Amino acid sequence: MFAHSRIARCAAVAAMSALSLGVAAASLSAQPMSTADQIASAILALPTEMQADAGVLGYKTGTKLEQLRPAKNGMLCLADDPSDDELHVSCYHVGMEPFMARGRALREGGTKGTMVDSVRFAEVKSGKIKMPKDPATLYQIFAPKGSYSAGKFTGGRRLTVVYIPYATEASTGLSSKSSATAPWLMFPGTPKAHIMFSSSM
């Protein structure tokens, strides 16, 4: 009986140790890159000539998105969220920031899935969220965690979209059928309507 009890205690201690190590590893993996690397990696989503003056939002504490550098050319970049499984950086025209910021706030508040857009679309319609009058571009890079080093990404894929709120097939001449070889229109007729361009084009 004593032997069985001792084995059980040892197993429990081992399980707790493994759990602690797992929590520590998860905590470590959730740490953001240095501020310099967050800025350097985020702006790589942009064309080279636009990188120097782009603003950057990133993580100083590991959880809260904050300004790391102000935008001087109308482009705002988001550094990688350390809590995500995939490395993702993006840059977009500042005209899209009210829409993007509202989406982040809703998700942080617990709103999920399609309800995020349902709320935002209603707020655009009411005038609470202002959308840009001109087309606004978003540049993104998706890559595995740890694929950024020394100022460049190893692997990854690029995606570029151009937002044209309320655009339709009729107003743009673009198909709304997805394509890997030609631009196409996503979410036509909504505030989130945009032209999709993949890196394979």
N, C-alpha and C. Protein backbone atom coordinates (compact mmCIF):
# COMPACT_ATOMS: atom_id res chain seq x y z
N MET A 1 0.84 -1.20 0.00
CA MET A 1 0.00 0.00 0.00
C MET A 1 0.87 1.25 0.00
N PHE A 2 1.91 1.23 0.87
CA PHE A 2 2.82 2.39 0.95
C PHE A 2 3.52 2.62 -0.39
N ALA A 3 3.95 1.52 -1.03
CA ALA A 3 4.64 1.64 -2.32
C ALA A 3 3.74 2.26 -3.37
N HIS A 4 2.48 1.79 -3.38
CA HIS A 4 1.53 2.34 -4.36
C HIS A 4 1.29 3.82 -4.11
N SER A 5 1.18 4.20 -2.82
CA SER A 5 0.95 5.60 -2.46
C SER A 5 2.13 6.46 -2.87
N ARG A 6 3.33 5.93 -2.65
CA ARG A 6 4.54 6.68 -3.00
C ARG A 6 4.64 6.86 -4.52
N ILE A 7 4.31 5.79 -5.25
CA ILE A 7 4.34 5.88 -6.72
C ILE A 7 3.34 6.91 -7.22
N ALA A 8 2.15 6.93 -6.58
CA ALA A 8 1.12 7.88 -6.98
C ALA A 8 1.58 9.31 -6.74
N ARG A 9 2.25 9.53 -5.54
CA ARG A 9 2.75 10.87 -5.24
C ARG A 9 3.82 11.29 -6.24
N CYS A 10 4.70 10.36 -6.57
CA CYS A 10 5.76 10.66 -7.54
C CYS A 10 5.18 11.01 -8.90
N ALA A 11 4.15 10.25 -9.29
CA ALA A 11 3.51 10.50 -10.59
C ALA A 11 2.85 11.87 -10.59
N ALA A 12 2.22 12.23 -9.46
CA ALA A 12 1.57 13.53 -9.37
C ALA A 12 2.59 14.66 -9.46
N VAL A 13 3.72 14.49 -8.74
CA VAL A 13 4.79 15.49 -8.79
C VAL A 13 5.33 15.63 -10.21
N ALA A 14 5.52 14.50 -10.89
CA ALA A 14 6.03 14.52 -12.26
C ALA A 14 5.06 15.23 -13.18
N ALA A 15 3.76 14.97 -12.98
CA ALA A 15 2.73 15.60 -13.82
C ALA A 15 2.72 17.10 -13.60
N MET A 16 2.82 17.52 -12.33
CA MET A 16 2.83 18.95 -12.03
C MET A 16 4.07 19.61 -12.60
N SER A 17 5.21 18.92 -12.55
CA SER A 17 6.45 19.47 -13.11
C SER A 17 6.33 19.65 -14.61
N ALA A 18 5.73 18.64 -15.26
CA ALA A 18 5.55 18.72 -16.71
C ALA A 18 4.63 19.86 -17.06
N LEU A 19 3.55 20.02 -16.25
CA LEU A 19 2.62 21.11 -16.49
C LEU A 19 3.30 22.45 -16.33
N SER A 20 4.11 22.57 -15.28
CA SER A 20 4.82 23.83 -15.04
C SER A 20 5.77 24.16 -16.18
N LEU A 21 6.47 23.13 -16.67
CA LEU A 21 7.38 23.34 -17.79
C LEU A 21 6.61 23.75 -19.03
N GLY A 22 5.44 23.14 -19.21
CA GLY A 22 4.62 23.48 -20.37
C GLY A 22 4.14 24.91 -20.31
N VAL A 23 3.69 25.32 -19.11
CA VAL A 23 3.24 26.70 -18.93
C VAL A 23 4.39 27.67 -19.16
N ALA A 24 5.58 27.32 -18.63
CA ALA A 24 6.75 28.18 -18.81
C ALA A 24 7.12 28.29 -20.27
N ALA A 25 7.06 27.15 -20.99
CA ALA A 25 7.40 27.17 -22.42
C ALA A 25 6.40 28.00 -23.19
N ALA A 26 5.10 27.85 -22.84
CA ALA A 26 4.08 28.63 -23.54
C ALA A 26 4.28 30.11 -23.28
N SER A 27 4.61 30.45 -21.99
CA SER A 27 4.84 31.84 -21.64
C SER A 27 6.03 32.40 -22.40
N LEU A 28 7.09 31.57 -22.52
CA LEU A 28 8.29 32.02 -23.22
C LEU A 28 8.00 32.24 -24.69
N SER A 29 7.22 31.31 -25.30
CA SER A 29 6.93 31.42 -26.73
C SER A 29 6.03 32.60 -27.03
N ALA A 30 5.32 33.10 -26.00
CA ALA A 30 4.40 34.21 -26.21
C ALA A 30 5.08 35.56 -26.04
N GLN A 31 6.37 35.58 -25.78
CA GLN A 31 7.10 36.83 -25.62
C GLN A 31 7.26 37.52 -26.98
N PRO A 32 7.03 38.83 -27.05
CA PRO A 32 7.20 39.53 -28.32
C PRO A 32 8.68 39.67 -28.68
N MET A 33 8.93 39.90 -29.95
CA MET A 33 10.28 40.22 -30.39
C MET A 33 10.69 41.56 -29.80
N SER A 34 11.96 41.89 -29.89
CA SER A 34 12.41 43.20 -29.43
C SER A 34 11.70 44.27 -30.25
N THR A 35 11.65 45.48 -29.70
CA THR A 35 10.98 46.58 -30.41
C THR A 35 11.61 46.80 -31.78
N ALA A 36 12.93 46.73 -31.84
CA ALA A 36 13.63 46.93 -33.12
C ALA A 36 13.24 45.86 -34.14
N ASP A 37 13.15 44.60 -33.69
CA ASP A 37 12.78 43.52 -34.60
C ASP A 37 11.30 43.58 -34.98
N GLN A 38 10.47 44.02 -34.05
CA GLN A 38 9.05 44.17 -34.38
C GLN A 38 8.88 45.19 -35.51
N ILE A 39 9.58 46.31 -35.39
CA ILE A 39 9.49 47.34 -36.43
C ILE A 39 10.08 46.84 -37.74
N ALA A 40 11.26 46.25 -37.66
CA ALA A 40 11.96 45.80 -38.87
C ALA A 40 11.18 44.71 -39.60
N SER A 41 10.56 43.80 -38.86
CA SER A 41 9.81 42.72 -39.50
C SER A 41 8.47 43.19 -40.03
N ALA A 42 7.80 44.08 -39.30
CA ALA A 42 6.48 44.55 -39.71
C ALA A 42 6.53 45.31 -41.02
N ILE A 43 7.51 46.19 -41.18
CA ILE A 43 7.54 47.02 -42.39
C ILE A 43 7.95 46.24 -43.64
N LEU A 44 8.45 45.01 -43.47
CA LEU A 44 8.82 44.20 -44.63
C LEU A 44 7.61 43.83 -45.48
N ALA A 45 6.40 43.95 -44.91
CA ALA A 45 5.20 43.68 -45.70
C ALA A 45 5.02 44.71 -46.81
N LEU A 46 5.59 45.89 -46.63
CA LEU A 46 5.44 46.99 -47.58
C LEU A 46 6.45 46.94 -48.72
N PRO A 47 6.13 47.58 -49.85
CA PRO A 47 7.17 47.80 -50.87
C PRO A 47 8.33 48.56 -50.24
N THR A 48 9.54 48.30 -50.70
CA THR A 48 10.75 48.87 -50.09
C THR A 48 10.69 50.38 -49.94
N GLU A 49 10.21 51.07 -50.96
CA GLU A 49 10.22 52.54 -50.94
C GLU A 49 9.25 53.14 -49.94
N MET A 50 8.37 52.33 -49.36
CA MET A 50 7.38 52.83 -48.40
C MET A 50 7.73 52.48 -46.95
N GLN A 51 8.80 51.74 -46.74
CA GLN A 51 9.09 51.20 -45.42
C GLN A 51 9.61 52.23 -44.42
N ALA A 52 10.46 53.13 -44.85
CA ALA A 52 11.15 54.02 -43.91
C ALA A 52 10.22 54.92 -43.11
N ASP A 53 9.11 55.35 -43.70
CA ASP A 53 8.23 56.31 -43.03
C ASP A 53 6.93 55.70 -42.52
N ALA A 54 6.80 54.40 -42.58
CA ALA A 54 5.57 53.75 -42.10
C ALA A 54 5.52 53.71 -40.58
N GLY A 55 4.34 53.88 -40.02
CA GLY A 55 4.16 53.74 -38.59
C GLY A 55 4.04 52.28 -38.21
N VAL A 56 4.29 51.97 -36.94
CA VAL A 56 4.22 50.58 -36.48
C VAL A 56 3.53 50.51 -35.12
N LEU A 57 2.58 49.58 -35.02
CA LEU A 57 1.97 49.23 -33.74
C LEU A 57 2.52 47.86 -33.34
N GLY A 58 2.90 47.73 -32.07
CA GLY A 58 3.47 46.46 -31.62
C GLY A 58 3.22 46.24 -30.15
N TYR A 59 4.07 45.42 -29.55
CA TYR A 59 3.84 44.96 -28.17
C TYR A 59 5.02 45.29 -27.28
N LYS A 60 4.75 46.13 -26.28
CA LYS A 60 5.79 46.47 -25.30
C LYS A 60 5.69 45.56 -24.07
N THR A 61 4.48 45.12 -23.77
CA THR A 61 4.26 44.29 -22.58
C THR A 61 3.98 42.84 -22.94
N GLY A 62 3.74 42.54 -24.20
CA GLY A 62 3.43 41.18 -24.61
C GLY A 62 1.95 40.95 -24.83
N THR A 63 1.10 41.88 -24.39
CA THR A 63 -0.34 41.68 -24.52
C THR A 63 -1.07 42.86 -25.15
N LYS A 64 -0.57 44.07 -24.94
CA LYS A 64 -1.26 45.25 -25.41
C LYS A 64 -0.59 45.85 -26.64
N LEU A 65 -1.41 46.11 -27.68
CA LEU A 65 -0.90 46.72 -28.91
C LEU A 65 -0.70 48.22 -28.67
N GLU A 66 0.52 48.70 -28.90
CA GLU A 66 0.85 50.10 -28.66
C GLU A 66 1.66 50.67 -29.82
N GLN A 67 1.72 51.98 -29.91
CA GLN A 67 2.50 52.61 -30.97
C GLN A 67 3.98 52.46 -30.69
N LEU A 68 4.69 51.92 -31.67
CA LEU A 68 6.15 51.82 -31.57
C LEU A 68 6.82 52.90 -32.40
N ARG A 69 6.10 53.36 -33.44
CA ARG A 69 6.65 54.39 -34.32
C ARG A 69 5.49 55.06 -35.04
N PRO A 70 5.49 56.40 -35.12
CA PRO A 70 4.38 57.10 -35.78
C PRO A 70 4.44 56.97 -37.31
N ALA A 71 3.28 57.04 -37.94
CA ALA A 71 3.21 56.98 -39.40
C ALA A 71 3.48 58.35 -40.00
N LYS A 72 4.36 58.40 -40.99
CA LYS A 72 4.69 59.65 -41.67
C LYS A 72 4.30 59.65 -43.14
N ASN A 73 3.87 58.49 -43.64
CA ASN A 73 3.53 58.40 -45.07
C ASN A 73 2.15 57.82 -45.32
N GLY A 74 1.31 57.81 -44.27
CA GLY A 74 -0.04 57.31 -44.44
C GLY A 74 -0.19 55.80 -44.37
N MET A 75 0.89 55.09 -44.00
CA MET A 75 0.83 53.64 -43.88
C MET A 75 1.12 53.22 -42.44
N LEU A 76 0.33 52.28 -41.94
CA LEU A 76 0.46 51.80 -40.57
C LEU A 76 0.66 50.29 -40.59
N CYS A 77 1.67 49.82 -39.87
CA CYS A 77 1.99 48.38 -39.85
C CYS A 77 1.72 47.80 -38.47
N LEU A 78 1.32 46.53 -38.45
CA LEU A 78 1.10 45.80 -37.20
C LEU A 78 2.18 44.74 -37.06
N ALA A 79 2.88 44.75 -35.94
CA ALA A 79 3.88 43.72 -35.67
C ALA A 79 3.20 42.39 -35.35
N ASP A 80 3.96 41.34 -35.38
CA ASP A 80 3.43 40.01 -35.10
C ASP A 80 2.88 39.89 -33.68
N ASP A 81 1.69 39.29 -33.56
CA ASP A 81 1.11 39.02 -32.25
C ASP A 81 1.78 37.77 -31.69
N PRO A 82 2.52 37.89 -30.59
CA PRO A 82 3.28 36.74 -30.07
C PRO A 82 2.40 35.59 -29.61
N SER A 83 1.10 35.83 -29.39
CA SER A 83 0.22 34.76 -28.91
C SER A 83 -0.33 33.90 -30.04
N ASP A 84 -0.14 34.32 -31.30
CA ASP A 84 -0.63 33.55 -32.43
C ASP A 84 0.31 32.40 -32.76
N ASP A 85 -0.24 31.36 -33.38
CA ASP A 85 0.57 30.21 -33.79
C ASP A 85 1.41 30.51 -35.02
N GLU A 86 0.96 31.48 -35.83
CA GLU A 86 1.66 31.81 -37.07
C GLU A 86 2.22 33.22 -36.98
N LEU A 87 3.35 33.45 -37.62
CA LEU A 87 3.92 34.79 -37.68
C LEU A 87 3.16 35.57 -38.76
N HIS A 88 2.62 36.70 -38.39
CA HIS A 88 1.82 37.50 -39.33
C HIS A 88 2.11 38.97 -39.11
N VAL A 89 2.52 39.66 -40.16
CA VAL A 89 2.69 41.12 -40.12
C VAL A 89 1.85 41.72 -41.24
N SER A 90 1.37 42.93 -41.02
CA SER A 90 0.54 43.57 -42.03
C SER A 90 0.72 45.08 -41.98
N CYS A 91 0.46 45.72 -43.12
CA CYS A 91 0.53 47.17 -43.21
C CYS A 91 -0.65 47.64 -44.05
N TYR A 92 -1.28 48.71 -43.64
CA TYR A 92 -2.44 49.21 -44.38
C TYR A 92 -2.51 50.73 -44.31
N HIS A 93 -3.27 51.30 -45.23
CA HIS A 93 -3.45 52.75 -45.26
C HIS A 93 -4.17 53.20 -44.00
N VAL A 94 -3.75 54.33 -43.44
CA VAL A 94 -4.32 54.80 -42.18
C VAL A 94 -5.82 55.05 -42.27
N GLY A 95 -6.33 55.22 -43.49
CA GLY A 95 -7.77 55.41 -43.65
C GLY A 95 -8.58 54.21 -43.19
N MET A 96 -7.94 53.05 -43.13
CA MET A 96 -8.62 51.83 -42.68
C MET A 96 -8.52 51.61 -41.17
N GLU A 97 -7.77 52.45 -40.47
CA GLU A 97 -7.52 52.21 -39.05
C GLU A 97 -8.79 52.23 -38.19
N PRO A 98 -9.75 53.13 -38.41
CA PRO A 98 -10.97 53.07 -37.58
C PRO A 98 -11.67 51.72 -37.69
N PHE A 99 -11.75 51.18 -38.89
CA PHE A 99 -12.39 49.89 -39.13
C PHE A 99 -11.57 48.76 -38.49
N MET A 100 -10.25 48.80 -38.69
CA MET A 100 -9.37 47.77 -38.15
C MET A 100 -9.34 47.81 -36.61
N ALA A 101 -9.22 49.01 -36.07
CA ALA A 101 -9.14 49.16 -34.61
C ALA A 101 -10.43 48.70 -33.94
N ARG A 102 -11.55 48.97 -34.58
CA ARG A 102 -12.84 48.53 -34.03
C ARG A 102 -12.92 47.00 -34.02
N GLY A 103 -12.41 46.37 -35.06
CA GLY A 103 -12.38 44.92 -35.10
C GLY A 103 -11.55 44.33 -33.97
N ARG A 104 -10.39 44.94 -33.73
CA ARG A 104 -9.53 44.46 -32.64
C ARG A 104 -10.23 44.61 -31.29
N ALA A 105 -10.89 45.75 -31.10
CA ALA A 105 -11.56 46.01 -29.83
C ALA A 105 -12.71 45.04 -29.61
N LEU A 106 -13.46 44.74 -30.66
CA LEU A 106 -14.57 43.80 -30.53
C LEU A 106 -14.07 42.40 -30.17
N ARG A 107 -13.01 41.96 -30.84
CA ARG A 107 -12.47 40.62 -30.56
C ARG A 107 -11.93 40.54 -29.14
N GLU A 108 -11.25 41.60 -28.70
CA GLU A 108 -10.73 41.63 -27.34
C GLU A 108 -11.86 41.60 -26.32
N GLY A 109 -13.01 42.16 -26.71
CA GLY A 109 -14.17 42.19 -25.82
C GLY A 109 -14.98 40.92 -25.85
N GLY A 110 -14.58 39.95 -26.69
CA GLY A 110 -15.27 38.67 -26.70
C GLY A 110 -16.18 38.43 -27.89
N THR A 111 -16.34 39.41 -28.77
CA THR A 111 -17.16 39.21 -29.97
C THR A 111 -16.42 38.26 -30.91
N LYS A 112 -17.14 37.31 -31.46
CA LYS A 112 -16.48 36.27 -32.26
C LYS A 112 -17.05 36.16 -33.67
N GLY A 113 -16.22 35.57 -34.55
CA GLY A 113 -16.65 35.19 -35.89
C GLY A 113 -17.29 36.31 -36.69
N THR A 114 -18.37 35.97 -37.37
CA THR A 114 -19.03 36.91 -38.27
C THR A 114 -19.69 38.07 -37.54
N MET A 115 -19.89 37.93 -36.22
CA MET A 115 -20.50 39.02 -35.46
C MET A 115 -19.62 40.26 -35.45
N VAL A 116 -18.31 40.08 -35.59
CA VAL A 116 -17.41 41.24 -35.64
C VAL A 116 -17.78 42.12 -36.82
N ASP A 117 -17.94 41.51 -37.99
CA ASP A 117 -18.31 42.29 -39.17
C ASP A 117 -19.74 42.79 -39.10
N SER A 118 -20.63 42.02 -38.50
CA SER A 118 -22.02 42.47 -38.37
C SER A 118 -22.08 43.78 -37.59
N VAL A 119 -21.32 43.83 -36.51
CA VAL A 119 -21.29 45.06 -35.69
C VAL A 119 -20.64 46.19 -36.46
N ARG A 120 -19.50 45.91 -37.09
CA ARG A 120 -18.79 46.97 -37.81
C ARG A 120 -19.61 47.50 -38.99
N PHE A 121 -20.23 46.62 -39.74
CA PHE A 121 -21.03 47.06 -40.88
C PHE A 121 -22.15 47.99 -40.43
N ALA A 122 -22.79 47.64 -39.31
CA ALA A 122 -23.87 48.48 -38.78
C ALA A 122 -23.33 49.84 -38.35
N GLU A 123 -22.12 49.83 -37.78
CA GLU A 123 -21.53 51.09 -37.31
C GLU A 123 -21.05 51.95 -38.48
N VAL A 124 -20.63 51.31 -39.55
CA VAL A 124 -20.28 52.08 -40.76
C VAL A 124 -21.54 52.74 -41.31
N LYS A 125 -22.61 51.97 -41.38
CA LYS A 125 -23.88 52.48 -41.90
C LYS A 125 -24.40 53.64 -41.08
N SER A 126 -24.23 53.58 -39.76
CA SER A 126 -24.71 54.65 -38.88
C SER A 126 -23.80 55.86 -38.87
N GLY A 127 -22.58 55.70 -39.43
CA GLY A 127 -21.63 56.81 -39.44
C GLY A 127 -20.65 56.79 -38.29
N LYS A 128 -20.77 55.81 -37.40
CA LYS A 128 -19.86 55.73 -36.25
C LYS A 128 -18.44 55.40 -36.69
N ILE A 129 -18.30 54.54 -37.70
CA ILE A 129 -16.99 54.22 -38.27
C ILE A 129 -16.88 54.87 -39.64
N LYS A 130 -15.84 55.64 -39.85
CA LYS A 130 -15.62 56.30 -41.13
C LYS A 130 -14.70 55.45 -42.01
N MET A 131 -15.13 55.19 -43.23
CA MET A 131 -14.33 54.43 -44.18
C MET A 131 -13.64 55.39 -45.15
N PRO A 132 -12.49 55.00 -45.71
CA PRO A 132 -11.79 55.88 -46.65
C PRO A 132 -12.60 56.07 -47.93
N LYS A 133 -12.50 57.27 -48.50
CA LYS A 133 -13.21 57.56 -49.74
C LYS A 133 -12.48 56.99 -50.96
N ASP A 134 -11.15 56.89 -50.84
CA ASP A 134 -10.33 56.36 -51.94
C ASP A 134 -9.92 54.92 -51.63
N PRO A 135 -9.50 54.16 -52.65
CA PRO A 135 -9.01 52.80 -52.41
C PRO A 135 -7.88 52.80 -51.37
N ALA A 136 -7.86 51.79 -50.53
CA ALA A 136 -6.85 51.69 -49.46
C ALA A 136 -6.24 50.29 -49.48
N THR A 137 -4.92 50.21 -49.55
CA THR A 137 -4.23 48.94 -49.72
C THR A 137 -3.76 48.34 -48.39
N LEU A 138 -3.83 47.01 -48.32
CA LEU A 138 -3.33 46.24 -47.18
C LEU A 138 -2.31 45.22 -47.70
N TYR A 139 -1.12 45.22 -47.09
CA TYR A 139 -0.07 44.27 -47.44
C TYR A 139 0.15 43.34 -46.25
N GLN A 140 0.32 42.04 -46.50
CA GLN A 140 0.51 41.08 -45.42
C GLN A 140 1.58 40.05 -45.75
N ILE A 141 2.20 39.52 -44.70
CA ILE A 141 3.10 38.37 -44.82
C ILE A 141 2.68 37.36 -43.76
N PHE A 142 2.48 36.11 -44.18
CA PHE A 142 2.19 35.00 -43.28
C PHE A 142 3.38 34.05 -43.34
N ALA A 143 3.89 33.66 -42.20
CA ALA A 143 5.07 32.79 -42.17
C ALA A 143 5.09 31.97 -40.88
N PRO A 144 5.87 30.89 -40.83
CA PRO A 144 5.97 30.11 -39.59
C PRO A 144 6.66 30.92 -38.50
N LYS A 145 6.31 30.65 -37.25
CA LYS A 145 6.99 31.29 -36.13
C LYS A 145 8.49 30.99 -36.21
N GLY A 146 9.29 32.00 -35.90
CA GLY A 146 10.73 31.83 -35.93
C GLY A 146 11.35 31.99 -37.30
N SER A 147 10.53 32.35 -38.30
CA SER A 147 11.07 32.44 -39.67
C SER A 147 11.67 33.81 -39.98
N TYR A 148 11.53 34.76 -39.02
CA TYR A 148 12.15 36.07 -39.22
C TYR A 148 13.48 36.14 -38.47
N SER A 149 14.52 36.58 -39.17
CA SER A 149 15.83 36.74 -38.54
C SER A 149 16.69 37.65 -39.39
N ALA A 150 17.46 38.49 -38.73
CA ALA A 150 18.44 39.35 -39.40
C ALA A 150 17.83 40.15 -40.55
N GLY A 151 16.65 40.69 -40.30
CA GLY A 151 16.05 41.59 -41.28
C GLY A 151 15.35 40.95 -42.45
N LYS A 152 15.06 39.65 -42.38
CA LYS A 152 14.36 39.02 -43.50
C LYS A 152 13.57 37.80 -43.03
N PHE A 153 12.60 37.40 -43.87
CA PHE A 153 11.80 36.22 -43.60
C PHE A 153 12.36 35.04 -44.40
N THR A 154 12.32 33.88 -43.79
CA THR A 154 12.66 32.65 -44.50
C THR A 154 11.35 31.95 -44.81
N GLY A 155 10.99 31.88 -46.08
CA GLY A 155 9.71 31.31 -46.44
C GLY A 155 8.59 32.30 -46.21
N GLY A 156 7.38 31.79 -46.08
CA GLY A 156 6.22 32.65 -45.89
C GLY A 156 5.54 32.98 -47.21
N ARG A 157 4.39 33.60 -47.12
CA ARG A 157 3.64 33.98 -48.32
C ARG A 157 3.08 35.39 -48.15
N ARG A 158 2.92 36.07 -49.25
CA ARG A 158 2.41 37.43 -49.25
C ARG A 158 0.97 37.47 -49.76
N LEU A 159 0.22 38.42 -49.25
CA LEU A 159 -1.14 38.65 -49.73
C LEU A 159 -1.39 40.15 -49.72
N THR A 160 -1.89 40.67 -50.82
CA THR A 160 -2.19 42.10 -50.93
C THR A 160 -3.66 42.28 -51.29
N VAL A 161 -4.32 43.20 -50.62
CA VAL A 161 -5.71 43.50 -50.95
C VAL A 161 -5.87 45.01 -51.07
N VAL A 162 -6.83 45.43 -51.90
CA VAL A 162 -7.15 46.85 -52.03
C VAL A 162 -8.61 47.04 -51.65
N TYR A 163 -8.84 47.73 -50.54
CA TYR A 163 -10.19 47.98 -50.07
C TYR A 163 -10.87 49.07 -50.91
N ILE A 164 -12.07 48.75 -51.38
CA ILE A 164 -12.91 49.72 -52.07
C ILE A 164 -14.31 49.53 -51.49
N PRO A 165 -14.61 50.20 -50.39
CA PRO A 165 -15.89 49.99 -49.72
C PRO A 165 -17.09 50.05 -50.67
N TYR A 166 -17.95 49.05 -50.55
CA TYR A 166 -19.19 48.91 -51.30
C TYR A 166 -18.99 48.60 -52.78
N ALA A 167 -17.78 48.31 -53.20
CA ALA A 167 -17.54 47.94 -54.60
C ALA A 167 -18.29 46.66 -54.95
N THR A 168 -18.70 46.55 -56.20
CA THR A 168 -19.42 45.37 -56.69
C THR A 168 -18.79 44.90 -57.99
N GLU A 169 -19.25 43.75 -58.47
CA GLU A 169 -18.79 43.26 -59.77
C GLU A 169 -19.12 44.29 -60.86
N ALA A 170 -20.30 44.88 -60.76
CA ALA A 170 -20.73 45.85 -61.77
C ALA A 170 -19.89 47.12 -61.73
N SER A 171 -19.49 47.57 -60.53
CA SER A 171 -18.76 48.83 -60.43
C SER A 171 -17.27 48.68 -60.72
N THR A 172 -16.76 47.45 -60.63
CA THR A 172 -15.32 47.24 -60.83
C THR A 172 -14.98 46.41 -62.07
N GLY A 173 -15.94 45.62 -62.56
CA GLY A 173 -15.65 44.72 -63.67
C GLY A 173 -14.87 43.48 -63.23
N LEU A 174 -14.81 43.24 -61.91
CA LEU A 174 -14.10 42.09 -61.36
C LEU A 174 -15.08 41.00 -60.95
N SER A 175 -14.66 39.76 -61.13
CA SER A 175 -15.46 38.64 -60.67
C SER A 175 -15.33 38.50 -59.16
N SER A 176 -16.38 38.00 -58.53
CA SER A 176 -16.31 37.73 -57.10
C SER A 176 -15.98 36.26 -56.83
N LYS A 177 -15.61 35.52 -57.88
CA LYS A 177 -15.20 34.13 -57.73
C LYS A 177 -13.71 34.09 -57.42
N SER A 178 -13.33 33.38 -56.36
CA SER A 178 -11.93 33.35 -55.94
C SER A 178 -11.04 32.77 -57.04
N SER A 179 -9.81 33.30 -57.10
CA SER A 179 -8.86 32.87 -58.12
C SER A 179 -7.44 32.98 -57.59
N ALA A 180 -6.58 32.05 -57.98
CA ALA A 180 -5.18 32.09 -57.59
C ALA A 180 -4.32 32.73 -58.67
N THR A 181 -4.93 33.05 -59.80
CA THR A 181 -4.17 33.58 -60.93
C THR A 181 -4.62 34.95 -61.40
N ALA A 182 -5.72 35.46 -60.86
CA ALA A 182 -6.24 36.76 -61.30
C ALA A 182 -6.87 37.48 -60.12
N PRO A 183 -6.85 38.82 -60.13
CA PRO A 183 -7.51 39.57 -59.05
C PRO A 183 -9.00 39.24 -59.00
N TRP A 184 -9.57 39.26 -57.81
CA TRP A 184 -11.01 39.03 -57.68
C TRP A 184 -11.55 39.84 -56.51
N LEU A 185 -12.86 40.01 -56.49
CA LEU A 185 -13.50 40.89 -55.52
C LEU A 185 -14.12 40.07 -54.39
N MET A 186 -13.72 40.40 -53.17
CA MET A 186 -14.23 39.69 -51.99
C MET A 186 -15.17 40.60 -51.19
N PHE A 187 -16.20 40.04 -50.62
CA PHE A 187 -17.21 40.77 -49.85
C PHE A 187 -17.82 41.93 -50.66
N PRO A 188 -18.21 41.68 -51.91
CA PRO A 188 -18.77 42.76 -52.73
C PRO A 188 -20.02 43.38 -52.10
N GLY A 189 -20.15 44.69 -52.29
CA GLY A 189 -21.33 45.40 -51.80
C GLY A 189 -21.32 45.71 -50.32
N THR A 190 -20.23 45.41 -49.62
CA THR A 190 -20.14 45.67 -48.18
C THR A 190 -19.06 46.71 -47.89
N PRO A 191 -19.03 47.27 -46.68
CA PRO A 191 -17.96 48.19 -46.33
C PRO A 191 -16.57 47.56 -46.44
N LYS A 192 -16.53 46.22 -46.36
CA LYS A 192 -15.28 45.48 -46.37
C LYS A 192 -14.90 44.99 -47.77
N ALA A 193 -15.58 45.43 -48.80
CA ALA A 193 -15.28 44.97 -50.16
C ALA A 193 -13.84 45.26 -50.51
N HIS A 194 -13.15 44.27 -51.08
CA HIS A 194 -11.75 44.49 -51.46
C HIS A 194 -11.32 43.57 -52.58
N ILE A 195 -10.32 44.03 -53.33
CA ILE A 195 -9.75 43.25 -54.42
C ILE A 195 -8.61 42.41 -53.84
N MET A 196 -8.62 41.13 -54.15
CA MET A 196 -7.62 40.21 -53.65
C MET A 196 -6.52 39.96 -54.68
N PHE A 197 -5.27 40.03 -54.22
CA PHE A 197 -4.10 39.69 -55.05
C PHE A 197 -3.24 38.70 -54.28
N SER A 198 -2.95 37.55 -54.84
CA SER A 198 -2.09 36.59 -54.15
C SER A 198 -0.67 36.70 -54.70
N SER A 199 0.29 36.19 -53.93
CA SER A 199 1.69 36.28 -54.34
C SER A 199 1.99 35.42 -55.55
N SER A 200 1.09 34.50 -55.88
CA SER A 200 1.32 33.64 -57.05
C SER A 200 0.95 34.31 -58.36
N MET A 201 0.35 35.49 -58.28
CA MET A 201 -0.07 36.18 -59.51
C MET A 201 1.14 36.78 -60.22
